[in-house]
Amino acid sequence: MITFGRKVSNDYGWEITLFHKLREFSDGVTFLETKINWDRYIGDHTPRFEFHLVLLNHTIIEVNVYYLHHTSKEDE
């Protein structure tokens, strides 16, 4: 598994993960799964953009751009 990332600004960061084994074949098989998500809701670590590609139980690439801060009850 290869993971790297950094801050884009004081409020946002990015992270990329490559070649991560998700589970064993004996637990089941994910043949192909793609997730593209652009969550604009203001909440815990959102807004966020996510792209995730899984092939045969392995993450090929996962890209996240996300809000760095946690929200509190006062922010809601």
N, C-alpha and C. Protein backbone atom coordinates (compact mmCIF):
# COMPACT_ATOMS: atom_id res chain seq x y z
N MET A 1 0.85 -1.17 0.00
CA MET A 1 0.00 0.00 0.00
C MET A 1 0.90 1.24 0.00
N ILE A 2 0.53 2.17 -0.84
CA ILE A 2 1.24 3.44 -0.93
C ILE A 2 0.24 4.54 -0.62
N THR A 3 0.52 5.39 0.37
CA THR A 3 -0.36 6.50 0.72
C THR A 3 0.47 7.76 0.88
N PHE A 4 -0.02 8.84 0.31
CA PHE A 4 0.63 10.12 0.52
C PHE A 4 -0.42 11.22 0.39
N GLY A 5 -0.12 12.37 0.95
CA GLY A 5 -1.04 13.49 0.91
C GLY A 5 -0.42 14.70 1.57
N ARG A 6 -1.12 15.80 1.49
CA ARG A 6 -0.67 17.02 2.15
C ARG A 6 -1.79 18.03 2.19
N LYS A 7 -1.52 19.15 2.87
CA LYS A 7 -2.50 20.22 2.95
C LYS A 7 -2.48 21.02 1.65
N VAL A 8 -3.65 21.40 1.17
CA VAL A 8 -3.78 22.27 0.01
C VAL A 8 -3.84 23.72 0.49
N SER A 9 -4.53 23.92 1.61
CA SER A 9 -4.68 25.23 2.24
C SER A 9 -4.86 25.00 3.73
N ASN A 10 -5.20 26.06 4.45
CA ASN A 10 -5.45 25.90 5.89
C ASN A 10 -6.70 25.08 6.17
N ASP A 11 -7.59 24.97 5.18
CA ASP A 11 -8.86 24.28 5.38
C ASP A 11 -8.99 22.95 4.65
N TYR A 12 -8.19 22.70 3.62
CA TYR A 12 -8.35 21.51 2.79
C TYR A 12 -7.05 20.74 2.64
N GLY A 13 -7.19 19.43 2.50
CA GLY A 13 -6.06 18.55 2.26
C GLY A 13 -6.42 17.51 1.23
N TRP A 14 -5.42 16.81 0.73
CA TRP A 14 -5.67 15.71 -0.22
C TRP A 14 -4.86 14.50 0.19
N GLU A 15 -5.34 13.35 -0.25
CA GLU A 15 -4.69 12.08 0.06
C GLU A 15 -4.92 11.13 -1.10
N ILE A 16 -3.88 10.40 -1.47
CA ILE A 16 -3.97 9.38 -2.52
C ILE A 16 -3.47 8.07 -1.95
N THR A 17 -4.23 7.00 -2.18
CA THR A 17 -3.84 5.64 -1.77
C THR A 17 -3.81 4.77 -3.02
N LEU A 18 -2.76 3.98 -3.17
CA LEU A 18 -2.59 3.08 -4.31
C LEU A 18 -2.37 1.66 -3.82
N PHE A 19 -2.95 0.69 -4.51
CA PHE A 19 -2.66 -0.74 -4.33
C PHE A 19 -2.82 -1.21 -2.88
N HIS A 20 -4.03 -1.07 -2.36
CA HIS A 20 -4.34 -1.48 -0.99
C HIS A 20 -5.28 -2.69 -1.04
N LYS A 21 -4.88 -3.78 -0.38
CA LYS A 21 -5.72 -4.98 -0.31
C LYS A 21 -6.83 -4.75 0.70
N LEU A 22 -8.09 -4.87 0.26
CA LEU A 22 -9.22 -4.60 1.12
C LEU A 22 -9.64 -5.80 1.97
N ARG A 23 -9.63 -7.00 1.37
CA ARG A 23 -10.06 -8.21 2.09
C ARG A 23 -9.59 -9.44 1.35
N GLU A 24 -9.72 -10.60 2.00
CA GLU A 24 -9.33 -11.87 1.41
C GLU A 24 -10.43 -12.38 0.47
N PHE A 25 -10.06 -13.17 -0.53
CA PHE A 25 -11.03 -13.75 -1.45
C PHE A 25 -11.98 -14.69 -0.72
N SER A 26 -11.53 -15.31 0.36
CA SER A 26 -12.41 -16.21 1.12
C SER A 26 -13.56 -15.45 1.79
N ASP A 27 -13.41 -14.13 1.96
CA ASP A 27 -14.47 -13.29 2.54
C ASP A 27 -15.47 -12.83 1.49
N GLY A 28 -15.17 -13.02 0.22
CA GLY A 28 -16.02 -12.55 -0.88
C GLY A 28 -15.17 -11.80 -1.88
N VAL A 29 -15.77 -11.52 -3.04
CA VAL A 29 -15.01 -10.87 -4.11
C VAL A 29 -15.75 -9.63 -4.59
N THR A 30 -15.03 -8.53 -4.63
CA THR A 30 -15.50 -7.33 -5.31
C THR A 30 -14.79 -7.33 -6.65
N PHE A 31 -15.53 -7.62 -7.72
CA PHE A 31 -14.91 -7.71 -9.04
C PHE A 31 -14.51 -6.33 -9.56
N LEU A 32 -15.46 -5.41 -9.54
CA LEU A 32 -15.19 -4.05 -10.01
C LEU A 32 -16.15 -3.10 -9.31
N GLU A 33 -15.59 -2.06 -8.71
CA GLU A 33 -16.42 -1.06 -8.03
C GLU A 33 -15.77 0.30 -8.24
N THR A 34 -16.58 1.27 -8.64
CA THR A 34 -16.10 2.63 -8.80
C THR A 34 -17.01 3.55 -8.00
N LYS A 35 -16.39 4.43 -7.24
CA LYS A 35 -17.16 5.41 -6.46
C LYS A 35 -16.61 6.79 -6.78
N ILE A 36 -17.51 7.68 -7.20
CA ILE A 36 -17.17 9.08 -7.40
C ILE A 36 -18.18 9.87 -6.59
N ASN A 37 -17.69 10.66 -5.65
CA ASN A 37 -18.55 11.35 -4.72
C ASN A 37 -18.08 12.79 -4.56
N TRP A 38 -18.99 13.73 -4.69
CA TRP A 38 -18.71 15.12 -4.40
C TRP A 38 -19.73 15.58 -3.37
N ASP A 39 -19.35 15.53 -2.12
CA ASP A 39 -20.22 15.84 -1.00
C ASP A 39 -20.03 17.30 -0.62
N ARG A 40 -21.05 18.13 -0.83
CA ARG A 40 -20.95 19.55 -0.56
C ARG A 40 -21.56 19.95 0.78
N TYR A 41 -22.10 18.96 1.52
CA TYR A 41 -22.68 19.20 2.83
C TYR A 41 -21.60 19.71 3.78
N ILE A 42 -21.91 20.73 4.57
CA ILE A 42 -20.96 21.23 5.57
C ILE A 42 -21.10 20.36 6.81
N GLY A 43 -20.08 19.57 7.10
CA GLY A 43 -20.12 18.67 8.25
C GLY A 43 -18.70 18.23 8.59
N ASP A 44 -18.60 17.12 9.27
CA ASP A 44 -17.31 16.59 9.73
C ASP A 44 -16.48 16.13 8.53
N HIS A 45 -15.39 16.81 8.25
CA HIS A 45 -14.48 16.54 7.14
C HIS A 45 -15.17 16.66 5.78
N THR A 46 -16.26 17.43 5.69
CA THR A 46 -16.88 17.72 4.41
C THR A 46 -17.03 19.23 4.30
N PRO A 47 -17.01 19.80 3.15
CA PRO A 47 -17.13 19.23 1.82
C PRO A 47 -15.95 18.33 1.48
N ARG A 48 -16.21 17.39 0.55
CA ARG A 48 -15.19 16.42 0.18
C ARG A 48 -15.44 15.92 -1.24
N PHE A 49 -14.35 15.60 -1.93
CA PHE A 49 -14.43 14.93 -3.22
C PHE A 49 -13.71 13.60 -3.06
N GLU A 50 -14.29 12.52 -3.56
CA GLU A 50 -13.69 11.19 -3.43
C GLU A 50 -13.83 10.43 -4.75
N PHE A 51 -12.75 9.77 -5.14
CA PHE A 51 -12.75 8.85 -6.27
C PHE A 51 -12.07 7.57 -5.79
N HIS A 52 -12.75 6.42 -5.98
CA HIS A 52 -12.23 5.15 -5.47
C HIS A 52 -12.49 4.07 -6.51
N LEU A 53 -11.44 3.36 -6.92
CA LEU A 53 -11.55 2.28 -7.90
C LEU A 53 -11.03 0.99 -7.27
N VAL A 54 -11.91 -0.03 -7.23
CA VAL A 54 -11.58 -1.33 -6.64
C VAL A 54 -11.68 -2.39 -7.72
N LEU A 55 -10.67 -3.26 -7.80
CA LEU A 55 -10.65 -4.36 -8.76
C LEU A 55 -10.15 -5.60 -8.04
N LEU A 56 -10.97 -6.65 -8.01
CA LEU A 56 -10.62 -7.93 -7.38
C LEU A 56 -10.07 -7.76 -5.96
N ASN A 57 -10.86 -7.09 -5.12
CA ASN A 57 -10.57 -6.89 -3.70
C ASN A 57 -9.37 -5.99 -3.41
N HIS A 58 -8.88 -5.27 -4.39
CA HIS A 58 -7.75 -4.36 -4.19
C HIS A 58 -8.15 -2.95 -4.64
N THR A 59 -7.83 -1.98 -3.80
CA THR A 59 -7.96 -0.59 -4.23
C THR A 59 -6.86 -0.34 -5.24
N ILE A 60 -7.25 0.07 -6.43
CA ILE A 60 -6.27 0.44 -7.45
C ILE A 60 -5.81 1.88 -7.17
N ILE A 61 -6.80 2.77 -6.99
CA ILE A 61 -6.51 4.15 -6.62
C ILE A 61 -7.67 4.71 -5.82
N GLU A 62 -7.35 5.50 -4.82
CA GLU A 62 -8.35 6.24 -4.05
C GLU A 62 -7.82 7.65 -3.88
N VAL A 63 -8.61 8.63 -4.29
CA VAL A 63 -8.23 10.04 -4.20
C VAL A 63 -9.27 10.74 -3.35
N ASN A 64 -8.82 11.47 -2.35
CA ASN A 64 -9.71 12.25 -1.48
C ASN A 64 -9.20 13.68 -1.37
N VAL A 65 -10.09 14.62 -1.54
CA VAL A 65 -9.83 16.03 -1.22
C VAL A 65 -10.89 16.39 -0.21
N TYR A 66 -10.48 16.82 0.98
CA TYR A 66 -11.44 16.94 2.07
C TYR A 66 -11.14 18.13 2.98
N TYR A 67 -12.17 18.55 3.69
CA TYR A 67 -12.10 19.60 4.69
C TYR A 67 -11.35 19.04 5.90
N LEU A 68 -10.37 19.76 6.40
CA LEU A 68 -9.51 19.24 7.46
C LEU A 68 -10.12 19.27 8.86
N HIS A 69 -11.12 20.09 9.08
CA HIS A 69 -11.60 20.35 10.43
C HIS A 69 -12.81 19.51 10.80
N HIS A 70 -12.90 19.22 12.09
CA HIS A 70 -14.09 18.58 12.65
C HIS A 70 -15.08 19.69 12.97
N THR A 71 -16.36 19.37 12.94
CA THR A 71 -17.38 20.34 13.33
C THR A 71 -17.82 20.05 14.74
N SER A 72 -18.35 21.05 15.36
CA SER A 72 -18.88 20.89 16.73
C SER A 72 -20.37 21.18 16.71
N LYS A 73 -21.04 20.94 17.81
CA LYS A 73 -22.49 21.19 17.93
C LYS A 73 -22.80 22.67 17.68
N GLU A 74 -21.90 23.59 18.08
CA GLU A 74 -22.14 25.01 17.89
C GLU A 74 -22.12 25.41 16.42
N ASP A 75 -21.38 24.64 15.58
CA ASP A 75 -21.27 24.95 14.16
C ASP A 75 -22.51 24.57 13.38
N GLU A 76 -23.35 23.68 13.92
CA GLU A 76 -24.52 23.17 13.19
C GLU A 76 -25.67 24.14 13.22
